[in-house]
Amino acid sequence: MQRVSTIAAILIASAALLDAQRVFRAGVDLVHFGVVVTDKTGVPILGLRAEDFEVVEEGKPQAIKFFAGGDPEGAPPLHLGFMIDNSGSMIQDIRDVRTAAIKFLNTVENVTDVTLTDFDTEVR
């Protein structure tokens, strides 16, 4: 009987120790993106504030926690990445996708580099 009591005490103590060691993990997603606002002639509009923008995710307005207006001359380098689906499901549309990518690249200025990745069942 003494042995059963000792084992029960050890199990209870182990359970209490496990409860004390459980860790609750939490995370926060911070999305950082740059925006350049221009008028109809392409001239940047300066002096904008956070109140001048609305960020919406899945139809719900999101709070803008951090905002910094910048000088277009001091903008960070622009790195573009393209992933193009080259699988069988794209056979009819792949030409249009490639044409759209080329047209887009011809409109973007001051690009530091462009990464192109195509994939079907594997990334290449």
N, C-alpha and C. Protein backbone atom coordinates (compact mmCIF):
# COMPACT_ATOMS: atom_id res chain seq x y z
N MET A 1 0.82 -1.20 0.00
CA MET A 1 0.00 0.00 0.00
C MET A 1 0.86 1.25 0.00
N GLN A 2 1.96 1.18 0.72
CA GLN A 2 2.89 2.31 0.78
C GLN A 2 3.40 2.62 -0.63
N ARG A 3 3.70 1.57 -1.38
CA ARG A 3 4.22 1.74 -2.73
C ARG A 3 3.19 2.43 -3.63
N VAL A 4 1.93 2.07 -3.55
CA VAL A 4 0.87 2.68 -4.34
C VAL A 4 0.74 4.15 -3.98
N SER A 5 0.82 4.48 -2.71
CA SER A 5 0.73 5.88 -2.27
C SER A 5 1.90 6.69 -2.80
N THR A 6 3.09 6.10 -2.81
CA THR A 6 4.28 6.79 -3.30
C THR A 6 4.15 7.06 -4.80
N ILE A 7 3.71 6.05 -5.54
CA ILE A 7 3.54 6.22 -6.99
C ILE A 7 2.48 7.27 -7.29
N ALA A 8 1.38 7.26 -6.54
CA ALA A 8 0.33 8.26 -6.73
C ALA A 8 0.86 9.65 -6.45
N ALA A 9 1.65 9.80 -5.40
CA ALA A 9 2.22 11.11 -5.06
C ALA A 9 3.16 11.60 -6.16
N ILE A 10 3.95 10.67 -6.72
CA ILE A 10 4.87 11.05 -7.80
C ILE A 10 4.09 11.48 -9.04
N LEU A 11 3.03 10.76 -9.37
CA LEU A 11 2.22 11.12 -10.54
C LEU A 11 1.55 12.48 -10.36
N ILE A 12 1.05 12.74 -9.18
CA ILE A 12 0.41 14.04 -8.91
C ILE A 12 1.43 15.16 -9.00
N ALA A 13 2.62 14.93 -8.43
CA ALA A 13 3.68 15.94 -8.48
C ALA A 13 4.12 16.17 -9.92
N SER A 14 4.21 15.09 -10.72
CA SER A 14 4.60 15.22 -12.13
C SER A 14 3.58 16.03 -12.91
N ALA A 15 2.30 15.78 -12.66
CA ALA A 15 1.25 16.52 -13.35
C ALA A 15 1.31 18.00 -12.99
N ALA A 16 1.55 18.30 -11.72
CA ALA A 16 1.66 19.70 -11.29
C ALA A 16 2.86 20.36 -11.94
N LEU A 17 3.98 19.62 -12.05
CA LEU A 17 5.18 20.16 -12.69
C LEU A 17 4.93 20.42 -14.17
N LEU A 18 4.23 19.51 -14.84
CA LEU A 18 3.90 19.72 -16.25
C LEU A 18 3.02 20.95 -16.45
N ASP A 19 2.03 21.14 -15.56
CA ASP A 19 1.19 22.34 -15.66
C ASP A 19 2.02 23.60 -15.52
N ALA A 20 2.99 23.58 -14.61
CA ALA A 20 3.83 24.76 -14.38
C ALA A 20 4.73 25.03 -15.59
N GLN A 21 5.06 23.99 -16.36
CA GLN A 21 5.97 24.16 -17.49
C GLN A 21 5.25 24.44 -18.80
N ARG A 22 3.96 24.39 -18.84
CA ARG A 22 3.24 24.65 -20.09
C ARG A 22 3.48 26.09 -20.52
N VAL A 23 3.71 26.25 -21.78
CA VAL A 23 4.01 27.57 -22.31
C VAL A 23 2.89 27.97 -23.27
N PHE A 24 2.39 29.16 -23.08
CA PHE A 24 1.39 29.72 -24.00
C PHE A 24 2.14 30.59 -24.99
N ARG A 25 1.99 30.29 -26.25
CA ARG A 25 2.66 31.09 -27.29
C ARG A 25 1.62 31.95 -28.01
N ALA A 26 2.02 33.17 -28.27
CA ALA A 26 1.15 34.10 -28.98
C ALA A 26 1.99 34.81 -30.03
N GLY A 27 1.35 35.33 -31.02
CA GLY A 27 2.08 36.05 -32.06
C GLY A 27 1.29 37.24 -32.55
N VAL A 28 2.00 38.13 -33.18
CA VAL A 28 1.40 39.31 -33.76
C VAL A 28 1.91 39.43 -35.19
N ASP A 29 1.01 39.61 -36.11
CA ASP A 29 1.41 39.80 -37.49
C ASP A 29 1.47 41.29 -37.78
N LEU A 30 2.64 41.75 -38.15
CA LEU A 30 2.82 43.14 -38.55
C LEU A 30 3.12 43.14 -40.04
N VAL A 31 2.27 43.76 -40.80
CA VAL A 31 2.45 43.81 -42.24
C VAL A 31 3.05 45.16 -42.59
N HIS A 32 4.17 45.14 -43.27
CA HIS A 32 4.88 46.36 -43.63
C HIS A 32 4.85 46.48 -45.16
N PHE A 33 4.38 47.60 -45.64
CA PHE A 33 4.39 47.81 -47.09
C PHE A 33 4.57 49.28 -47.39
N GLY A 34 5.18 49.52 -48.51
CA GLY A 34 5.41 50.88 -48.96
C GLY A 34 4.36 51.29 -49.98
N VAL A 35 4.04 52.56 -49.99
CA VAL A 35 3.04 53.08 -50.91
C VAL A 35 3.58 54.37 -51.52
N VAL A 36 3.41 54.50 -52.81
CA VAL A 36 3.73 55.75 -53.48
C VAL A 36 2.44 56.25 -54.12
N VAL A 37 2.05 57.46 -53.76
CA VAL A 37 0.82 58.05 -54.30
C VAL A 37 1.22 59.15 -55.28
N THR A 38 0.65 59.06 -56.48
CA THR A 38 0.95 60.06 -57.50
C THR A 38 -0.34 60.68 -58.03
N ASP A 39 -0.19 61.85 -58.62
CA ASP A 39 -1.36 62.45 -59.27
C ASP A 39 -1.50 61.86 -60.68
N LYS A 40 -2.43 62.38 -61.46
CA LYS A 40 -2.70 61.82 -62.79
C LYS A 40 -1.52 61.92 -63.74
N THR A 41 -0.61 62.85 -63.46
CA THR A 41 0.55 63.01 -64.34
C THR A 41 1.77 62.24 -63.84
N GLY A 42 1.62 61.54 -62.72
CA GLY A 42 2.73 60.74 -62.20
C GLY A 42 3.60 61.45 -61.18
N VAL A 43 3.23 62.66 -60.80
CA VAL A 43 4.01 63.41 -59.81
C VAL A 43 3.63 62.93 -58.41
N PRO A 44 4.62 62.57 -57.58
CA PRO A 44 4.31 62.09 -56.23
C PRO A 44 3.58 63.15 -55.40
N ILE A 45 2.60 62.71 -54.62
CA ILE A 45 1.88 63.59 -53.70
C ILE A 45 2.54 63.42 -52.34
N LEU A 46 3.09 64.50 -51.83
CA LEU A 46 3.82 64.46 -50.56
C LEU A 46 2.95 64.97 -49.42
N GLY A 47 3.38 64.74 -48.20
CA GLY A 47 2.70 65.28 -47.03
C GLY A 47 1.50 64.48 -46.57
N LEU A 48 1.32 63.28 -47.07
CA LEU A 48 0.18 62.46 -46.64
C LEU A 48 0.40 61.94 -45.22
N ARG A 49 -0.71 61.71 -44.50
CA ARG A 49 -0.67 61.21 -43.13
C ARG A 49 -1.43 59.89 -43.07
N ALA A 50 -1.31 59.20 -41.96
CA ALA A 50 -2.00 57.92 -41.78
C ALA A 50 -3.51 58.07 -41.99
N GLU A 51 -4.06 59.21 -41.59
CA GLU A 51 -5.50 59.45 -41.72
C GLU A 51 -5.95 59.50 -43.18
N ASP A 52 -5.00 59.69 -44.09
CA ASP A 52 -5.33 59.76 -45.51
C ASP A 52 -5.46 58.38 -46.16
N PHE A 53 -5.20 57.33 -45.38
CA PHE A 53 -5.22 55.97 -45.92
C PHE A 53 -6.22 55.10 -45.18
N GLU A 54 -6.69 54.08 -45.87
CA GLU A 54 -7.54 53.06 -45.26
C GLU A 54 -6.99 51.70 -45.68
N VAL A 55 -6.71 50.85 -44.70
CA VAL A 55 -6.24 49.50 -44.96
C VAL A 55 -7.38 48.55 -44.62
N VAL A 56 -7.73 47.69 -45.57
CA VAL A 56 -8.86 46.77 -45.38
C VAL A 56 -8.36 45.35 -45.65
N GLU A 57 -8.70 44.44 -44.74
CA GLU A 57 -8.35 43.03 -44.92
C GLU A 57 -9.62 42.20 -44.81
N GLU A 58 -9.93 41.46 -45.85
CA GLU A 58 -11.14 40.65 -45.91
C GLU A 58 -12.38 41.46 -45.53
N GLY A 59 -12.45 42.69 -46.04
CA GLY A 59 -13.60 43.55 -45.83
C GLY A 59 -13.62 44.28 -44.50
N LYS A 60 -12.62 44.05 -43.65
CA LYS A 60 -12.60 44.69 -42.33
C LYS A 60 -11.49 45.73 -42.27
N PRO A 61 -11.82 46.95 -41.86
CA PRO A 61 -10.79 47.98 -41.72
C PRO A 61 -9.76 47.57 -40.67
N GLN A 62 -8.49 47.83 -40.96
CA GLN A 62 -7.40 47.50 -40.05
C GLN A 62 -6.77 48.79 -39.55
N ALA A 63 -6.32 48.76 -38.31
CA ALA A 63 -5.67 49.93 -37.72
C ALA A 63 -4.28 50.10 -38.31
N ILE A 64 -3.90 51.32 -38.58
CA ILE A 64 -2.54 51.63 -39.01
C ILE A 64 -1.78 52.00 -37.75
N LYS A 65 -0.89 51.12 -37.32
CA LYS A 65 -0.18 51.31 -36.05
C LYS A 65 1.06 52.18 -36.21
N PHE A 66 1.74 52.03 -37.33
CA PHE A 66 2.97 52.78 -37.57
C PHE A 66 2.87 53.41 -38.95
N PHE A 67 3.28 54.66 -39.06
CA PHE A 67 3.21 55.35 -40.34
C PHE A 67 4.38 56.32 -40.42
N ALA A 68 5.01 56.34 -41.56
CA ALA A 68 6.09 57.30 -41.78
C ALA A 68 6.00 57.80 -43.21
N GLY A 69 5.86 59.10 -43.36
CA GLY A 69 5.89 59.70 -44.69
C GLY A 69 7.33 59.76 -45.14
N GLY A 70 7.56 59.58 -46.40
CA GLY A 70 8.94 59.56 -46.86
C GLY A 70 9.18 60.48 -48.03
N ASP A 71 10.43 60.64 -48.31
CA ASP A 71 10.89 61.42 -49.45
C ASP A 71 11.13 60.43 -50.59
N PRO A 72 10.51 60.63 -51.75
CA PRO A 72 10.69 59.68 -52.85
C PRO A 72 12.16 59.47 -53.22
N GLU A 73 12.97 60.49 -53.02
CA GLU A 73 14.39 60.36 -53.34
C GLU A 73 15.09 59.43 -52.37
N GLY A 74 14.56 59.33 -51.15
CA GLY A 74 15.18 58.48 -50.14
C GLY A 74 14.49 57.14 -49.99
N ALA A 75 13.69 56.76 -50.98
CA ALA A 75 12.94 55.51 -50.90
C ALA A 75 13.90 54.32 -50.93
N PRO A 76 13.55 53.26 -50.22
CA PRO A 76 14.41 52.07 -50.25
C PRO A 76 14.37 51.42 -51.63
N PRO A 77 15.37 50.59 -51.92
CA PRO A 77 15.39 49.94 -53.23
C PRO A 77 14.18 49.03 -53.42
N LEU A 78 13.72 48.94 -54.65
CA LEU A 78 12.57 48.11 -54.97
C LEU A 78 13.04 46.78 -55.55
N HIS A 79 12.66 45.69 -54.88
CA HIS A 79 12.97 44.34 -55.33
C HIS A 79 11.64 43.67 -55.67
N LEU A 80 11.51 43.17 -56.88
CA LEU A 80 10.27 42.53 -57.31
C LEU A 80 10.47 41.03 -57.42
N GLY A 81 9.43 40.30 -57.07
CA GLY A 81 9.46 38.85 -57.23
C GLY A 81 8.20 38.38 -57.93
N PHE A 82 8.36 37.53 -58.92
CA PHE A 82 7.24 36.95 -59.66
C PHE A 82 7.26 35.44 -59.49
N MET A 83 6.10 34.88 -59.22
CA MET A 83 5.95 33.42 -59.26
C MET A 83 4.91 33.13 -60.33
N ILE A 84 5.31 32.39 -61.33
CA ILE A 84 4.41 32.10 -62.45
C ILE A 84 4.08 30.61 -62.45
N ASP A 85 2.79 30.34 -62.42
CA ASP A 85 2.28 28.96 -62.45
C ASP A 85 2.38 28.45 -63.88
N ASN A 86 3.24 27.47 -64.07
CA ASN A 86 3.48 26.92 -65.40
C ASN A 86 2.92 25.50 -65.50
N SER A 87 1.94 25.20 -64.66
CA SER A 87 1.38 23.85 -64.63
C SER A 87 0.38 23.65 -65.76
N GLY A 88 -0.08 22.43 -65.88
CA GLY A 88 -1.03 22.09 -66.93
C GLY A 88 -2.31 22.89 -66.88
N SER A 89 -2.70 23.33 -65.70
CA SER A 89 -3.94 24.09 -65.58
C SER A 89 -3.84 25.48 -66.21
N MET A 90 -2.62 25.90 -66.55
CA MET A 90 -2.41 27.23 -67.11
C MET A 90 -2.18 27.22 -68.62
N ILE A 91 -2.32 26.07 -69.25
CA ILE A 91 -2.01 25.94 -70.68
C ILE A 91 -2.69 27.03 -71.51
N GLN A 92 -3.95 27.28 -71.26
CA GLN A 92 -4.68 28.26 -72.07
C GLN A 92 -4.34 29.70 -71.70
N ASP A 93 -3.84 29.93 -70.48
CA ASP A 93 -3.64 31.30 -70.01
C ASP A 93 -2.19 31.74 -69.90
N ILE A 94 -1.24 30.83 -70.08
CA ILE A 94 0.16 31.17 -69.80
C ILE A 94 0.68 32.31 -70.67
N ARG A 95 0.25 32.36 -71.93
CA ARG A 95 0.68 33.47 -72.80
C ARG A 95 0.21 34.81 -72.24
N ASP A 96 -1.04 34.87 -71.80
CA ASP A 96 -1.58 36.12 -71.23
C ASP A 96 -0.83 36.50 -69.95
N VAL A 97 -0.50 35.51 -69.14
CA VAL A 97 0.23 35.78 -67.90
C VAL A 97 1.60 36.36 -68.22
N ARG A 98 2.30 35.75 -69.15
CA ARG A 98 3.63 36.25 -69.53
C ARG A 98 3.54 37.66 -70.11
N THR A 99 2.56 37.90 -70.96
CA THR A 99 2.37 39.23 -71.55
C THR A 99 2.08 40.26 -70.47
N ALA A 100 1.21 39.92 -69.52
CA ALA A 100 0.88 40.84 -68.43
C ALA A 100 2.11 41.14 -67.58
N ALA A 101 2.93 40.13 -67.30
CA ALA A 101 4.15 40.34 -66.51
C ALA A 101 5.10 41.29 -67.22
N ILE A 102 5.28 41.10 -68.51
CA ILE A 102 6.17 41.97 -69.29
C ILE A 102 5.63 43.39 -69.32
N LYS A 103 4.33 43.55 -69.55
CA LYS A 103 3.74 44.90 -69.56
C LYS A 103 3.91 45.58 -68.21
N PHE A 104 3.69 44.83 -67.14
CA PHE A 104 3.87 45.40 -65.80
C PHE A 104 5.31 45.85 -65.60
N LEU A 105 6.26 45.00 -65.94
CA LEU A 105 7.67 45.36 -65.75
C LEU A 105 8.06 46.58 -66.57
N ASN A 106 7.43 46.77 -67.71
CA ASN A 106 7.73 47.95 -68.53
C ASN A 106 7.18 49.24 -67.93
N THR A 107 6.27 49.14 -66.97
CA THR A 107 5.70 50.35 -66.36
C THR A 107 6.38 50.72 -65.04
N VAL A 108 7.11 49.80 -64.45
CA VAL A 108 7.72 50.05 -63.14
C VAL A 108 9.08 50.69 -63.33
N GLU A 109 9.32 51.75 -62.55
CA GLU A 109 10.59 52.45 -62.64
C GLU A 109 11.43 52.19 -61.40
N ASN A 110 12.72 52.36 -61.54
CA ASN A 110 13.67 52.27 -60.43
C ASN A 110 13.64 50.92 -59.72
N VAL A 111 13.57 49.86 -60.48
CA VAL A 111 13.61 48.52 -59.90
C VAL A 111 15.06 48.10 -59.74
N THR A 112 15.41 47.68 -58.52
CA THR A 112 16.78 47.23 -58.27
C THR A 112 17.03 45.87 -58.90
N ASP A 113 16.11 44.94 -58.69
CA ASP A 113 16.24 43.63 -59.31
C ASP A 113 14.88 42.95 -59.39
N VAL A 114 14.82 41.93 -60.23
CA VAL A 114 13.59 41.17 -60.42
C VAL A 114 13.94 39.69 -60.30
N THR A 115 13.15 38.97 -59.52
CA THR A 115 13.31 37.53 -59.39
C THR A 115 12.12 36.87 -60.06
N LEU A 116 12.39 35.93 -60.94
CA LEU A 116 11.34 35.20 -61.63
C LEU A 116 11.45 33.73 -61.24
N THR A 117 10.37 33.19 -60.71
CA THR A 117 10.32 31.78 -60.34
C THR A 117 9.11 31.18 -61.03
N ASP A 118 9.34 30.09 -61.74
CA ASP A 118 8.18 29.41 -62.32
C ASP A 118 8.05 28.04 -61.66
N PHE A 119 6.85 27.54 -61.65
CA PHE A 119 6.62 26.26 -60.99
C PHE A 119 5.48 25.53 -61.68
N ASP A 120 5.51 24.22 -61.54
CA ASP A 120 4.36 23.39 -61.90
C ASP A 120 4.10 22.52 -60.67
N THR A 121 4.74 21.37 -60.59
CA THR A 121 4.63 20.60 -59.35
C THR A 121 5.82 20.87 -58.45
N GLU A 122 6.85 21.52 -58.98
CA GLU A 122 8.04 21.89 -58.22
C GLU A 122 8.46 23.30 -58.60
N VAL A 123 9.12 23.96 -57.66
CA VAL A 123 9.66 25.30 -57.93
C VAL A 123 10.96 25.13 -58.70
N ARG A 124 11.13 25.97 -59.74
CA ARG A 124 12.38 25.91 -60.52
C ARG A 124 13.11 27.22 -60.44
